[in-house]
Amino acid sequence: MHQHGLMEPQVKALVSALEQTEQLLRAHGDAWVAAAVNELQARLNRGDWTAIQTAVTEATGGMGSLRDRQLSVANGDAITRKDEQAVNARLDELVREVERTAREAATALGLRLFR
């Protein structure tokens, strides 16, 4: 079991990117994907490094992945049409940050990724 304070800096950066992503999703009424992102954070905080592969998969995947998530009025999210573009641009930045930091964490820990 790893304590958050004893993690590699790259893993801490990944947890931070996941936290920011979860906060953005929750701020716009998404509980489902936000809960999955929260679970990744919990796994990392427990020292479950398989969550790093899951984070990469979520950040690079297709339908149903974090990469696929778009916040919109049409999806029933708590967002206005005028804010959709800016909020989704920020979500895209965060998903890219999740991918980047997950890859860096894998490298730091000597983990081989599937993608």
PDB file of N, CA and C in Angstrom:
ATOM      1  N   MET A   1       0.849  -1.170   0.000  1.00  0.00           N
ATOM      2  CA  MET A   1       0.000   0.000   0.000  1.00  0.00           C
ATOM      3  C   MET A   1       0.896   1.235   0.000  1.00  0.00           C
ATOM      4  N   HIS A   2       0.562   2.204  -0.836  1.00  0.00           N
ATOM      5  CA  HIS A   2       1.349   3.428  -0.953  1.00  0.00           C
ATOM      6  C   HIS A   2       0.536   4.597  -0.410  1.00  0.00           C
ATOM      7  N   GLN A   3       1.190   5.465   0.278  1.00  0.00           N
ATOM      8  CA  GLN A   3       0.557   6.702   0.738  1.00  0.00           C
ATOM      9  C   GLN A   3       0.746   7.757  -0.353  1.00  0.00           C
ATOM     10  N   HIS A   4      -0.237   8.606  -0.516  1.00  0.00           N
ATOM     11  CA  HIS A   4      -0.186   9.653  -1.538  1.00  0.00           C
ATOM     12  C   HIS A   4       1.117  10.456  -1.426  1.00  0.00           C
ATOM     13  N   GLY A   5       1.577  10.737  -0.223  1.00  0.00           N
ATOM     14  CA  GLY A   5       2.795  11.518  -0.021  1.00  0.00           C
ATOM     15  C   GLY A   5       4.058  10.790  -0.411  1.00  0.00           C
ATOM     16  N   LEU A   6       4.015   9.465  -0.533  1.00  0.00           N
ATOM     17  CA  LEU A   6       5.201   8.682  -0.847  1.00  0.00           C
ATOM     18  C   LEU A   6       5.254   8.253  -2.310  1.00  0.00           C
ATOM     19  N   MET A   7       4.298   8.673  -3.107  1.00  0.00           N
ATOM     20  CA  MET A   7       4.244   8.299  -4.511  1.00  0.00           C
ATOM     21  C   MET A   7       5.317   8.988  -5.323  1.00  0.00           C
ATOM     22  N   GLU A   8       5.652   8.354  -6.422  1.00  0.00           N
ATOM     23  CA  GLU A   8       6.524   8.992  -7.412  1.00  0.00           C
ATOM     24  C   GLU A   8       5.846  10.295  -7.870  1.00  0.00           C
ATOM     25  N   PRO A   9       6.631  11.332  -8.165  1.00  0.00           N
ATOM     26  CA  PRO A   9       6.032  12.596  -8.624  1.00  0.00           C
ATOM     27  C   PRO A   9       5.151  12.419  -9.865  1.00  0.00           C
ATOM     28  N   GLN A  10       5.513  11.492 -10.734  1.00  0.00           N
ATOM     29  CA  GLN A  10       4.740  11.265 -11.954  1.00  0.00           C
ATOM     30  C   GLN A  10       3.365  10.679 -11.624  1.00  0.00           C
ATOM     31  N   VAL A  11       3.295   9.839 -10.603  1.00  0.00           N
ATOM     32  CA  VAL A  11       2.012   9.271 -10.187  1.00  0.00           C
ATOM     33  C   VAL A  11       1.168  10.366  -9.528  1.00  0.00           C
ATOM     34  N   LYS A  12       1.811  11.214  -8.735  1.00  0.00           N
ATOM     35  CA  LYS A  12       1.098  12.345  -8.133  1.00  0.00           C
ATOM     36  C   LYS A  12       0.514  13.254  -9.210  1.00  0.00           C
ATOM     37  N   ALA A  13       1.282  13.478 -10.270  1.00  0.00           N
ATOM     38  CA  ALA A  13       0.802  14.320 -11.378  1.00  0.00           C
ATOM     39  C   ALA A  13      -0.410  13.678 -12.051  1.00  0.00           C
ATOM     40  N   LEU A  14      -0.390  12.366 -12.202  1.00  0.00           N
ATOM     41  CA  LEU A  14      -1.531  11.658 -12.788  1.00  0.00           C
ATOM     42  C   LEU A  14      -2.747  11.785 -11.878  1.00  0.00           C
ATOM     43  N   VAL A  15      -2.562  11.583 -10.584  1.00  0.00           N
ATOM     44  CA  VAL A  15      -3.682  11.725  -9.643  1.00  0.00           C
ATOM     45  C   VAL A  15      -4.255  13.141  -9.725  1.00  0.00           C
ATOM     46  N   SER A  16      -3.395  14.132  -9.820  1.00  0.00           N
ATOM     47  CA  SER A  16      -3.854  15.517  -9.932  1.00  0.00           C
ATOM     48  C   SER A  16      -4.664  15.737 -11.210  1.00  0.00           C
ATOM     49  N   ALA A  17      -4.185  15.207 -12.326  1.00  0.00           N
ATOM     50  CA  ALA A  17      -4.916  15.344 -13.597  1.00  0.00           C
ATOM     51  C   ALA A  17      -6.276  14.660 -13.504  1.00  0.00           C
ATOM     52  N   LEU A  18      -6.314  13.506 -12.856  1.00  0.00           N
ATOM     53  CA  LEU A  18      -7.582  12.796 -12.674  1.00  0.00           C
ATOM     54  C   LEU A  18      -8.522  13.587 -11.764  1.00  0.00           C
ATOM     55  N   GLU A  19      -7.995  14.168 -10.699  1.00  0.00           N
ATOM     56  CA  GLU A  19      -8.811  14.971  -9.784  1.00  0.00           C
ATOM     57  C   GLU A  19      -9.437  16.153 -10.518  1.00  0.00           C
ATOM     58  N   GLN A  20      -8.644  16.850 -11.319  1.00  0.00           N
ATOM     59  CA  GLN A  20      -9.155  18.001 -12.071  1.00  0.00           C
ATOM     60  C   GLN A  20     -10.227  17.576 -13.069  1.00  0.00           C
ATOM     61  N   THR A  21     -10.011  16.421 -13.700  1.00  0.00           N
ATOM     62  CA  THR A  21     -10.983  15.903 -14.662  1.00  0.00           C
ATOM     63  C   THR A  21     -12.285  15.567 -13.956  1.00  0.00           C
ATOM     64  N   GLU A  22     -12.177  14.887 -12.827  1.00  0.00           N
ATOM     65  CA  GLU A  22     -13.371  14.533 -12.052  1.00  0.00           C
ATOM     66  C   GLU A  22     -14.132  15.788 -11.627  1.00  0.00           C
ATOM     67  N   GLN A  23     -13.421  16.793 -11.146  1.00  0.00           N
ATOM     68  CA  GLN A  23     -14.064  18.037 -10.702  1.00  0.00           C
ATOM     69  C   GLN A  23     -14.809  18.721 -11.840  1.00  0.00           C
ATOM     70  N   LEU A  24     -14.199  18.765 -13.021  1.00  0.00           N
ATOM     71  CA  LEU A  24     -14.858  19.380 -14.173  1.00  0.00           C
ATOM     72  C   LEU A  24     -16.128  18.617 -14.530  1.00  0.00           C
ATOM     73  N   LEU A  25     -16.035  17.295 -14.559  1.00  0.00           N
ATOM     74  CA  LEU A  25     -17.202  16.475 -14.899  1.00  0.00           C
ATOM     75  C   LEU A  25     -18.323  16.672 -13.876  1.00  0.00           C
ATOM     76  N   ARG A  26     -17.980  16.596 -12.609  1.00  0.00           N
ATOM     77  CA  ARG A  26     -18.991  16.761 -11.557  1.00  0.00           C
ATOM     78  C   ARG A  26     -19.612  18.154 -11.581  1.00  0.00           C
ATOM     79  N   ALA A  27     -18.807  19.168 -11.893  1.00  0.00           N
ATOM     80  CA  ALA A  27     -19.317  20.540 -11.958  1.00  0.00           C
ATOM     81  C   ALA A  27     -20.405  20.693 -13.013  1.00  0.00           C
ATOM     82  N   HIS A  28     -20.412  19.788 -13.976  1.00  0.00           N
ATOM     83  CA  HIS A  28     -21.402  19.861 -15.057  1.00  0.00           C
ATOM     84  C   HIS A  28     -22.386  18.696 -15.006  1.00  0.00           C
ATOM     85  N   GLY A  29     -22.534  18.126 -13.805  1.00  0.00           N
ATOM     86  CA  GLY A  29     -23.588  17.147 -13.572  1.00  0.00           C
ATOM     87  C   GLY A  29     -23.283  15.723 -13.958  1.00  0.00           C
ATOM     88  N   ASP A  30     -22.053  15.426 -14.343  1.00  0.00           N
ATOM     89  CA  ASP A  30     -21.708  14.048 -14.710  1.00  0.00           C
ATOM     90  C   ASP A  30     -21.282  13.293 -13.462  1.00  0.00           C
ATOM     91  N   ALA A  31     -22.061  12.320 -13.083  1.00  0.00           N
ATOM     92  CA  ALA A  31     -21.710  11.500 -11.920  1.00  0.00           C
ATOM     93  C   ALA A  31     -21.099  10.177 -12.347  1.00  0.00           C
ATOM     94  N   TRP A  32     -21.511   9.645 -13.473  1.00  0.00           N
ATOM     95  CA  TRP A  32     -21.090   8.309 -13.910  1.00  0.00           C
ATOM     96  C   TRP A  32     -19.612   8.258 -14.291  1.00  0.00           C
ATOM     97  N   VAL A  33     -19.195   9.055 -15.252  1.00  0.00           N
ATOM     98  CA  VAL A  33     -17.795   9.063 -15.687  1.00  0.00           C
ATOM     99  C   VAL A  33     -16.914   9.611 -14.567  1.00  0.00           C
ATOM    100  N   ALA A  34     -17.416  10.621 -13.856  1.00  0.00           N
ATOM    101  CA  ALA A  34     -16.659  11.178 -12.728  1.00  0.00           C
ATOM    102  C   ALA A  34     -16.375  10.101 -11.681  1.00  0.00           C
ATOM    103  N   ALA A  35     -17.338   9.224 -11.431  1.00  0.00           N
ATOM    104  CA  ALA A  35     -17.130   8.141 -10.459  1.00  0.00           C
ATOM    105  C   ALA A  35     -16.048   7.178 -10.939  1.00  0.00           C
ATOM    106  N   ALA A  36     -16.010   6.899 -12.232  1.00  0.00           N
ATOM    107  CA  ALA A  36     -14.971   6.014 -12.775  1.00  0.00           C
ATOM    108  C   ALA A  36     -13.598   6.661 -12.644  1.00  0.00           C
ATOM    109  N   VAL A  37     -13.526   7.963 -12.866  1.00  0.00           N
ATOM    110  CA  VAL A  37     -12.268   8.698 -12.718  1.00  0.00           C
ATOM    111  C   VAL A  37     -11.846   8.684 -11.243  1.00  0.00           C
ATOM    112  N   ASN A  38     -12.806   8.863 -10.355  1.00  0.00           N
ATOM    113  CA  ASN A  38     -12.522   8.812  -8.920  1.00  0.00           C
ATOM    114  C   ASN A  38     -11.988   7.444  -8.518  1.00  0.00           C
ATOM    115  N   GLU A  39     -12.529   6.389  -9.092  1.00  0.00           N
ATOM    116  CA  GLU A  39     -12.063   5.032  -8.786  1.00  0.00           C
ATOM    117  C   GLU A  39     -10.611   4.850  -9.237  1.00  0.00           C
ATOM    118  N   LEU A  40     -10.239   5.424 -10.370  1.00  0.00           N
ATOM    119  CA  LEU A  40      -8.838   5.363 -10.800  1.00  0.00           C
ATOM    120  C   LEU A  40      -7.931   6.036  -9.774  1.00  0.00           C
ATOM    121  N   GLN A  41      -8.358   7.175  -9.270  1.00  0.00           N
ATOM    122  CA  GLN A  41      -7.581   7.868  -8.237  1.00  0.00           C
ATOM    123  C   GLN A  41      -7.428   6.978  -6.998  1.00  0.00           C
ATOM    124  N   ALA A  42      -8.519   6.369  -6.576  1.00  0.00           N
ATOM    125  CA  ALA A  42      -8.485   5.506  -5.387  1.00  0.00           C
ATOM    126  C   ALA A  42      -7.530   4.335  -5.593  1.00  0.00           C
ATOM    127  N   ARG A  43      -7.574   3.744  -6.787  1.00  0.00           N
ATOM    128  CA  ARG A  43      -6.669   2.625  -7.083  1.00  0.00           C
ATOM    129  C   ARG A  43      -5.210   3.073  -7.024  1.00  0.00           C
ATOM    130  N   LEU A  44      -4.916   4.231  -7.588  1.00  0.00           N
ATOM    131  CA  LEU A  44      -3.547   4.746  -7.547  1.00  0.00           C
ATOM    132  C   LEU A  44      -3.120   5.025  -6.108  1.00  0.00           C
ATOM    133  N   ASN A  45      -4.024   5.599  -5.327  1.00  0.00           N
ATOM    134  CA  ASN A  45      -3.707   5.898  -3.929  1.00  0.00           C
ATOM    135  C   ASN A  45      -3.461   4.630  -3.112  1.00  0.00           C
ATOM    136  N   ARG A  46      -4.025   3.506  -3.563  1.00  0.00           N
ATOM    137  CA  ARG A  46      -3.772   2.214  -2.904  1.00  0.00           C
ATOM    138  C   ARG A  46      -2.511   1.543  -3.435  1.00  0.00           C
ATOM    139  N   GLY A  47      -1.875   2.149  -4.446  1.00  0.00           N
ATOM    140  CA  GLY A  47      -0.680   1.555  -5.034  1.00  0.00           C
ATOM    141  C   GLY A  47      -0.992   0.525  -6.104  1.00  0.00           C
ATOM    142  N   ASP A  48      -2.206   0.567  -6.653  1.00  0.00           N
ATOM    143  CA  ASP A  48      -2.610  -0.347  -7.721  1.00  0.00           C
ATOM    144  C   ASP A  48      -2.190   0.264  -9.056  1.00  0.00           C
ATOM    145  N   TRP A  49      -1.007  -0.124  -9.517  1.00  0.00           N
ATOM    146  CA  TRP A  49      -0.464   0.485 -10.729  1.00  0.00           C
ATOM    147  C   TRP A  49      -1.167   0.022 -11.995  1.00  0.00           C
ATOM    148  N   THR A  50      -2.052  -0.972 -11.930  1.00  0.00           N
ATOM    149  CA  THR A  50      -2.837  -1.327 -13.116  1.00  0.00           C
ATOM    150  C   THR A  50      -3.750  -0.173 -13.520  1.00  0.00           C
ATOM    151  N   ALA A  51      -4.013   0.733 -12.595  1.00  0.00           N
ATOM    152  CA  ALA A  51      -4.832   1.906 -12.897  1.00  0.00           C
ATOM    153  C   ALA A  51      -4.144   2.820 -13.906  1.00  0.00           C
ATOM    154  N   ILE A  52      -2.825   2.736 -13.992  1.00  0.00           N
ATOM    155  CA  ILE A  52      -2.098   3.558 -14.969  1.00  0.00           C
ATOM    156  C   ILE A  52      -2.461   3.114 -16.377  1.00  0.00           C
ATOM    157  N   GLN A  53      -2.478   1.810 -16.617  1.00  0.00           N
ATOM    158  CA  GLN A  53      -2.893   1.303 -17.925  1.00  0.00           C
ATOM    159  C   GLN A  53      -4.340   1.692 -18.210  1.00  0.00           C
ATOM    160  N   THR A  54      -5.197   1.578 -17.211  1.00  0.00           N
ATOM    161  CA  THR A  54      -6.597   1.944 -17.389  1.00  0.00           C
ATOM    162  C   THR A  54      -6.717   3.420 -17.750  1.00  0.00           C
ATOM    163  N   ALA A  55      -5.920   4.269 -17.111  1.00  0.00           N
ATOM    164  CA  ALA A  55      -5.961   5.706 -17.413  1.00  0.00           C
ATOM    165  C   ALA A  55      -5.565   5.974 -18.861  1.00  0.00           C
ATOM    166  N   VAL A  56      -4.525   5.293 -19.343  1.00  0.00           N
ATOM    167  CA  VAL A  56      -4.109   5.458 -20.741  1.00  0.00           C
ATOM    168  C   VAL A  56      -5.230   4.994 -21.667  1.00  0.00           C
ATOM    169  N   THR A  57      -5.813   3.864 -21.369  1.00  0.00           N
ATOM    170  CA  THR A  57      -6.899   3.329 -22.187  1.00  0.00           C
ATOM    171  C   THR A  57      -8.083   4.291 -22.221  1.00  0.00           C
ATOM    172  N   GLU A  58      -8.441   4.832 -21.065  1.00  0.00           N
ATOM    173  CA  GLU A  58      -9.553   5.791 -20.998  1.00  0.00           C
ATOM    174  C   GLU A  58      -9.251   7.071 -21.775  1.00  0.00           C
ATOM    175  N   ALA A  59      -8.001   7.493 -21.738  1.00  0.00           N
ATOM    176  CA  ALA A  59      -7.616   8.750 -22.387  1.00  0.00           C
ATOM    177  C   ALA A  59      -7.408   8.610 -23.889  1.00  0.00           C
ATOM    178  N   THR A  60      -7.285   7.394 -24.383  1.00  0.00           N
ATOM    179  CA  THR A  60      -7.023   7.189 -25.809  1.00  0.00           C
ATOM    180  C   THR A  60      -8.092   6.350 -26.494  1.00  0.00           C
ATOM    181  N   GLY A  61      -9.045   5.863 -25.729  1.00  0.00           N
ATOM    182  CA  GLY A  61     -10.035   4.925 -26.255  1.00  0.00           C
ATOM    183  C   GLY A  61     -11.119   5.554 -27.091  1.00  0.00           C
ATOM    184  N   GLY A  62     -12.022   4.713 -27.498  1.00  0.00           N
ATOM    185  CA  GLY A  62     -13.136   5.129 -28.344  1.00  0.00           C
ATOM    186  C   GLY A  62     -14.422   5.254 -27.560  1.00  0.00           C
ATOM    187  N   MET A  63     -15.503   4.761 -28.140  1.00  0.00           N
ATOM    188  CA  MET A  63     -16.823   4.890 -27.531  1.00  0.00           C
ATOM    189  C   MET A  63     -16.830   4.386 -26.093  1.00  0.00           C
ATOM    190  N   GLY A  64     -17.412   5.208 -25.236  1.00  0.00           N
ATOM    191  CA  GLY A  64     -17.544   4.838 -23.844  1.00  0.00           C
ATOM    192  C   GLY A  64     -16.344   5.195 -22.985  1.00  0.00           C
ATOM    193  N   SER A  65     -15.269   5.663 -23.602  1.00  0.00           N
ATOM    194  CA  SER A  65     -14.071   6.027 -22.837  1.00  0.00           C
ATOM    195  C   SER A  65     -14.154   7.491 -22.415  1.00  0.00           C
ATOM    196  N   LEU A  66     -13.262   7.876 -21.551  1.00  0.00           N
ATOM    197  CA  LEU A  66     -13.154   9.269 -21.147  1.00  0.00           C
ATOM    198  C   LEU A  66     -12.880  10.155 -22.360  1.00  0.00           C
ATOM    199  N   ARG A  67     -12.089   9.675 -23.301  1.00  0.00           N
ATOM    200  CA  ARG A  67     -11.776  10.418 -24.526  1.00  0.00           C
ATOM    201  C   ARG A  67     -13.053  10.750 -25.303  1.00  0.00           C
ATOM    202  N   ASP A  68     -14.043   9.887 -25.214  1.00  0.00           N
ATOM    203  CA  ASP A  68     -15.285  10.031 -25.972  1.00  0.00           C
ATOM    204  C   ASP A  68     -16.280  10.984 -25.304  1.00  0.00           C
ATOM    205  N   ARG A  69     -16.074  11.319 -24.050  1.00  0.00           N
ATOM    206  CA  ARG A  69     -17.051  12.108 -23.279  1.00  0.00           C
ATOM    207  C   ARG A  69     -17.089  13.554 -23.741  1.00  0.00           C
ATOM    208  N   GLN A  70     -18.269  14.026 -24.055  1.00  0.00           N
ATOM    209  CA  GLN A  70     -18.498  15.425 -24.401  1.00  0.00           C
ATOM    210  C   GLN A  70     -19.636  15.929 -23.535  1.00  0.00           C
ATOM    211  N   LEU A  71     -19.437  17.059 -22.904  1.00  0.00           N
ATOM    212  CA  LEU A  71     -20.477  17.671 -22.089  1.00  0.00           C
ATOM    213  C   LEU A  71     -21.338  18.545 -22.986  1.00  0.00           C
ATOM    214  N   SER A  72     -22.650  18.333 -22.928  1.00  0.00           N
ATOM    215  CA  SER A  72     -23.542  19.121 -23.775  1.00  0.00           C
ATOM    216  C   SER A  72     -24.957  19.147 -23.220  1.00  0.00           C
ATOM    217  N   VAL A  73     -25.682  20.164 -23.639  1.00  0.00           N
ATOM    218  CA  VAL A  73     -27.093  20.276 -23.294  1.00  0.00           C
ATOM    219  C   VAL A  73     -27.826  19.049 -23.832  1.00  0.00           C
ATOM    220  N   ALA A  74     -27.478  18.640 -25.058  1.00  0.00           N
ATOM    221  CA  ALA A  74     -28.146  17.493 -25.695  1.00  0.00           C
ATOM    222  C   ALA A  74     -27.975  16.202 -24.899  1.00  0.00           C
ATOM    223  N   ASN A  75     -26.866  16.085 -24.158  1.00  0.00           N
ATOM    224  CA  ASN A  75     -26.626  14.894 -23.335  1.00  0.00           C
ATOM    225  C   ASN A  75     -27.265  15.015 -21.958  1.00  0.00           C
ATOM    226  N   GLY A  76     -27.899  16.166 -21.692  1.00  0.00           N
ATOM    227  CA  GLY A  76     -28.536  16.379 -20.399  1.00  0.00           C
ATOM    228  C   GLY A  76     -27.573  16.870 -19.324  1.00  0.00           C
ATOM    229  N   ASP A  77     -26.404  17.332 -19.731  1.00  0.00           N
ATOM    230  CA  ASP A  77     -25.425  17.822 -18.764  1.00  0.00           C
ATOM    231  C   ASP A  77     -25.802  19.221 -18.276  1.00  0.00           C
ATOM    232  N   ALA A  78     -25.305  19.583 -17.114  1.00  0.00           N
ATOM    233  CA  ALA A  78     -25.557  20.890 -16.510  1.00  0.00           C
ATOM    234  C   ALA A  78     -24.593  21.904 -17.116  1.00  0.00           C
ATOM    235  N   ILE A  79     -24.897  22.299 -18.323  1.00  0.00           N
ATOM    236  CA  ILE A  79     -24.036  23.213 -19.072  1.00  0.00           C
ATOM    237  C   ILE A  79     -24.922  24.018 -20.023  1.00  0.00           C
ATOM    238  N   THR A  80     -24.489  25.217 -20.352  1.00  0.00           N
ATOM    239  CA  THR A  80     -25.230  26.004 -21.332  1.00  0.00           C
ATOM    240  C   THR A  80     -24.584  25.805 -22.701  1.00  0.00           C
ATOM    241  N   ARG A  81     -25.357  26.015 -23.729  1.00  0.00           N
ATOM    242  CA  ARG A  81     -24.827  25.875 -25.091  1.00  0.00           C
ATOM    243  C   ARG A  81     -23.624  26.788 -25.316  1.00  0.00           C
ATOM    244  N   LYS A  82     -23.683  27.995 -24.753  1.00  0.00           N
ATOM    245  CA  LYS A  82     -22.577  28.947 -24.965  1.00  0.00           C
ATOM    246  C   LYS A  82     -21.294  28.487 -24.276  1.00  0.00           C
ATOM    247  N   ASP A  83     -21.396  27.648 -23.244  1.00  0.00           N
ATOM    248  CA  ASP A  83     -20.215  27.164 -22.535  1.00  0.00           C
ATOM    249  C   ASP A  83     -19.687  25.825 -23.052  1.00  0.00           C
ATOM    250  N   GLU A  84     -20.454  25.164 -23.888  1.00  0.00           N
ATOM    251  CA  GLU A  84     -20.052  23.821 -24.344  1.00  0.00           C
ATOM    252  C   GLU A  84     -18.665  23.796 -24.972  1.00  0.00           C
ATOM    253  N   GLN A  85     -18.396  24.695 -25.891  1.00  0.00           N
ATOM    254  CA  GLN A  85     -17.112  24.661 -26.605  1.00  0.00           C
ATOM    255  C   GLN A  85     -15.935  24.848 -25.651  1.00  0.00           C
ATOM    256  N   ALA A  86     -16.000  25.854 -24.793  1.00  0.00           N
ATOM    257  CA  ALA A  86     -14.890  26.134 -23.873  1.00  0.00           C
ATOM    258  C   ALA A  86     -14.712  25.013 -22.856  1.00  0.00           C
ATOM    259  N   VAL A  87     -15.801  24.514 -22.303  1.00  0.00           N
ATOM    260  CA  VAL A  87     -15.715  23.453 -21.294  1.00  0.00           C
ATOM    261  C   VAL A  87     -15.184  22.167 -21.925  1.00  0.00           C
ATOM    262  N   ASN A  88     -15.642  21.842 -23.114  1.00  0.00           N
ATOM    263  CA  ASN A  88     -15.145  20.627 -23.763  1.00  0.00           C
ATOM    264  C   ASN A  88     -13.695  20.767 -24.212  1.00  0.00           C
ATOM    265  N   ALA A  89     -13.281  21.981 -24.548  1.00  0.00           N
ATOM    266  CA  ALA A  89     -11.858  22.207 -24.855  1.00  0.00           C
ATOM    267  C   ALA A  89     -11.023  21.951 -23.604  1.00  0.00           C
ATOM    268  N   ARG A  90     -11.500  22.412 -22.458  1.00  0.00           N
ATOM    269  CA  ARG A  90     -10.790  22.170 -21.201  1.00  0.00           C
ATOM    270  C   ARG A  90     -10.797  20.681 -20.861  1.00  0.00           C
ATOM    271  N   LEU A  91     -11.922  20.019 -21.071  1.00  0.00           N
ATOM    272  CA  LEU A  91     -11.987  18.575 -20.827  1.00  0.00           C
ATOM    273  C   LEU A  91     -10.991  17.841 -21.716  1.00  0.00           C
ATOM    274  N   ASP A  92     -10.901  18.247 -22.971  1.00  0.00           N
ATOM    275  CA  ASP A  92      -9.936  17.636 -23.886  1.00  0.00           C
ATOM    276  C   ASP A  92      -8.500  17.834 -23.381  1.00  0.00           C
ATOM    277  N   GLU A  93      -8.192  19.035 -22.911  1.00  0.00           N
ATOM    278  CA  GLU A  93      -6.858  19.305 -22.345  1.00  0.00           C
ATOM    279  C   GLU A  93      -6.576  18.378 -21.164  1.00  0.00           C
ATOM    280  N   LEU A  94      -7.572  18.217 -20.308  1.00  0.00           N
ATOM    281  CA  LEU A  94      -7.388  17.370 -19.134  1.00  0.00           C
ATOM    282  C   LEU A  94      -7.203  15.903 -19.517  1.00  0.00           C
ATOM    283  N   VAL A  95      -7.954  15.446 -20.505  1.00  0.00           N
ATOM    284  CA  VAL A  95      -7.808  14.057 -20.953  1.00  0.00           C
ATOM    285  C   VAL A  95      -6.412  13.848 -21.539  1.00  0.00           C
ATOM    286  N   ARG A  96      -5.915  14.816 -22.277  1.00  0.00           N
ATOM    287  CA  ARG A  96      -4.546  14.733 -22.808  1.00  0.00           C
ATOM    288  C   ARG A  96      -3.528  14.723 -21.667  1.00  0.00           C
ATOM    289  N   GLU A  97      -3.803  15.486 -20.620  1.00  0.00           N
ATOM    290  CA  GLU A  97      -2.931  15.512 -19.448  1.00  0.00           C
ATOM    291  C   GLU A  97      -2.961  14.164 -18.718  1.00  0.00           C
ATOM    292  N   VAL A  98      -4.126  13.559 -18.649  1.00  0.00           N
ATOM    293  CA  VAL A  98      -4.231  12.219 -18.054  1.00  0.00           C
ATOM    294  C   VAL A  98      -3.367  11.251 -18.845  1.00  0.00           C
ATOM    295  N   GLU A  99      -3.470  11.283 -20.164  1.00  0.00           N
ATOM    296  CA  GLU A  99      -2.655  10.382 -20.982  1.00  0.00           C
ATOM    297  C   GLU A  99      -1.159  10.645 -20.777  1.00  0.00           C
ATOM    298  N   ARG A 100      -0.764  11.910 -20.866  1.00  0.00           N
ATOM    299  CA  ARG A 100       0.656  12.256 -20.740  1.00  0.00           C
ATOM    300  C   ARG A 100       1.210  11.823 -19.383  1.00  0.00           C
ATOM    301  N   THR A 101       0.507  12.169 -18.320  1.00  0.00           N
ATOM    302  CA  THR A 101       1.010  11.846 -16.985  1.00  0.00           C
ATOM    303  C   THR A 101       0.959  10.350 -16.714  1.00  0.00           C
ATOM    304  N   ALA A 102      -0.011   9.654 -17.277  1.00  0.00           N
ATOM    305  CA  ALA A 102      -0.064   8.195 -17.108  1.00  0.00           C
ATOM    306  C   ALA A 102       1.127   7.537 -17.793  1.00  0.00           C
ATOM    307  N   ARG A 103       1.453   8.002 -18.982  1.00  0.00           N
ATOM    308  CA  ARG A 103       2.617   7.453 -19.689  1.00  0.00           C
ATOM    309  C   ARG A 103       3.915   7.750 -18.922  1.00  0.00           C
ATOM    310  N   GLU A 104       4.016   8.964 -18.378  1.00  0.00           N
ATOM    311  CA  GLU A 104       5.201   9.310 -17.597  1.00  0.00           C
ATOM    312  C   GLU A 104       5.284   8.476 -16.318  1.00  0.00           C
ATOM    313  N   ALA A 105       4.162   8.235 -15.682  1.00  0.00           N
ATOM    314  CA  ALA A 105       4.144   7.408 -14.470  1.00  0.00           C
ATOM    315  C   ALA A 105       4.558   5.985 -14.799  1.00  0.00           C
ATOM    316  N   ALA A 106       4.072   5.467 -15.907  1.00  0.00           N
ATOM    317  CA  ALA A 106       4.446   4.106 -16.320  1.00  0.00           C
ATOM    318  C   ALA A 106       5.949   4.019 -16.547  1.00  0.00           C
ATOM    319  N   THR A 107       6.494   5.002 -17.219  1.00  0.00           N
ATOM    320  CA  THR A 107       7.940   5.022 -17.466  1.00  0.00           C
ATOM    321  C   THR A 107       8.710   5.072 -16.144  1.00  0.00           C
ATOM    322  N   ALA A 108       8.279   5.947 -15.236  1.00  0.00           N
ATOM    323  CA  ALA A 108       8.965   6.103 -13.951  1.00  0.00           C
ATOM    324  C   ALA A 108       8.941   4.808 -13.129  1.00  0.00           C
ATOM    325  N   LEU A 109       7.858   4.053 -13.272  1.00  0.00           N
ATOM    326  CA  LEU A 109       7.708   2.814 -12.503  1.00  0.00           C
ATOM    327  C   LEU A 109       8.206   1.582 -13.264  1.00  0.00           C
ATOM    328  N   GLY A 110       8.653   1.787 -14.505  1.00  0.00           N
ATOM    329  CA  GLY A 110       9.131   0.670 -15.306  1.00  0.00           C
ATOM    330  C   GLY A 110       8.033  -0.258 -15.782  1.00  0.00           C
ATOM    331  N   LEU A 111       6.844   0.294 -15.981  1.00  0.00           N
ATOM    332  CA  LEU A 111       5.704  -0.496 -16.430  1.00  0.00           C
ATOM    333  C   LEU A 111       5.612  -0.484 -17.944  1.00  0.00           C
ATOM    334  N   ARG A 112       5.239  -1.592 -18.526  1.00  0.00           N
ATOM    335  CA  ARG A 112       5.021  -1.682 -19.971  1.00  0.00           C
ATOM    336  C   ARG A 112       3.534  -1.481 -20.239  1.00  0.00           C
ATOM    337  N   LEU A 113       3.219  -0.557 -21.121  1.00  0.00           N
ATOM    338  CA  LEU A 113       1.839  -0.279 -21.472  1.00  0.00           C
ATOM    339  C   LEU A 113       1.447  -1.017 -22.742  1.00  0.00           C
ATOM    340  N   PHE A 114       0.154  -1.286 -22.887  1.00  0.00           N
ATOM    341  CA  PHE A 114      -0.351  -1.984 -24.065  1.00  0.00           C
ATOM    342  C   PHE A 114      -0.535  -1.063 -25.258  1.00  0.00           C
ATOM    343  N   ARG A 115      -0.687   0.243 -25.052  1.00  0.00           N
ATOM    344  CA  ARG A 115      -0.857   1.226 -26.140  1.00  0.00           C
ATOM    345  C   ARG A 115       0.257   2.211 -26.095  1.00  0.00           C
TER     346      ARG A 115
END
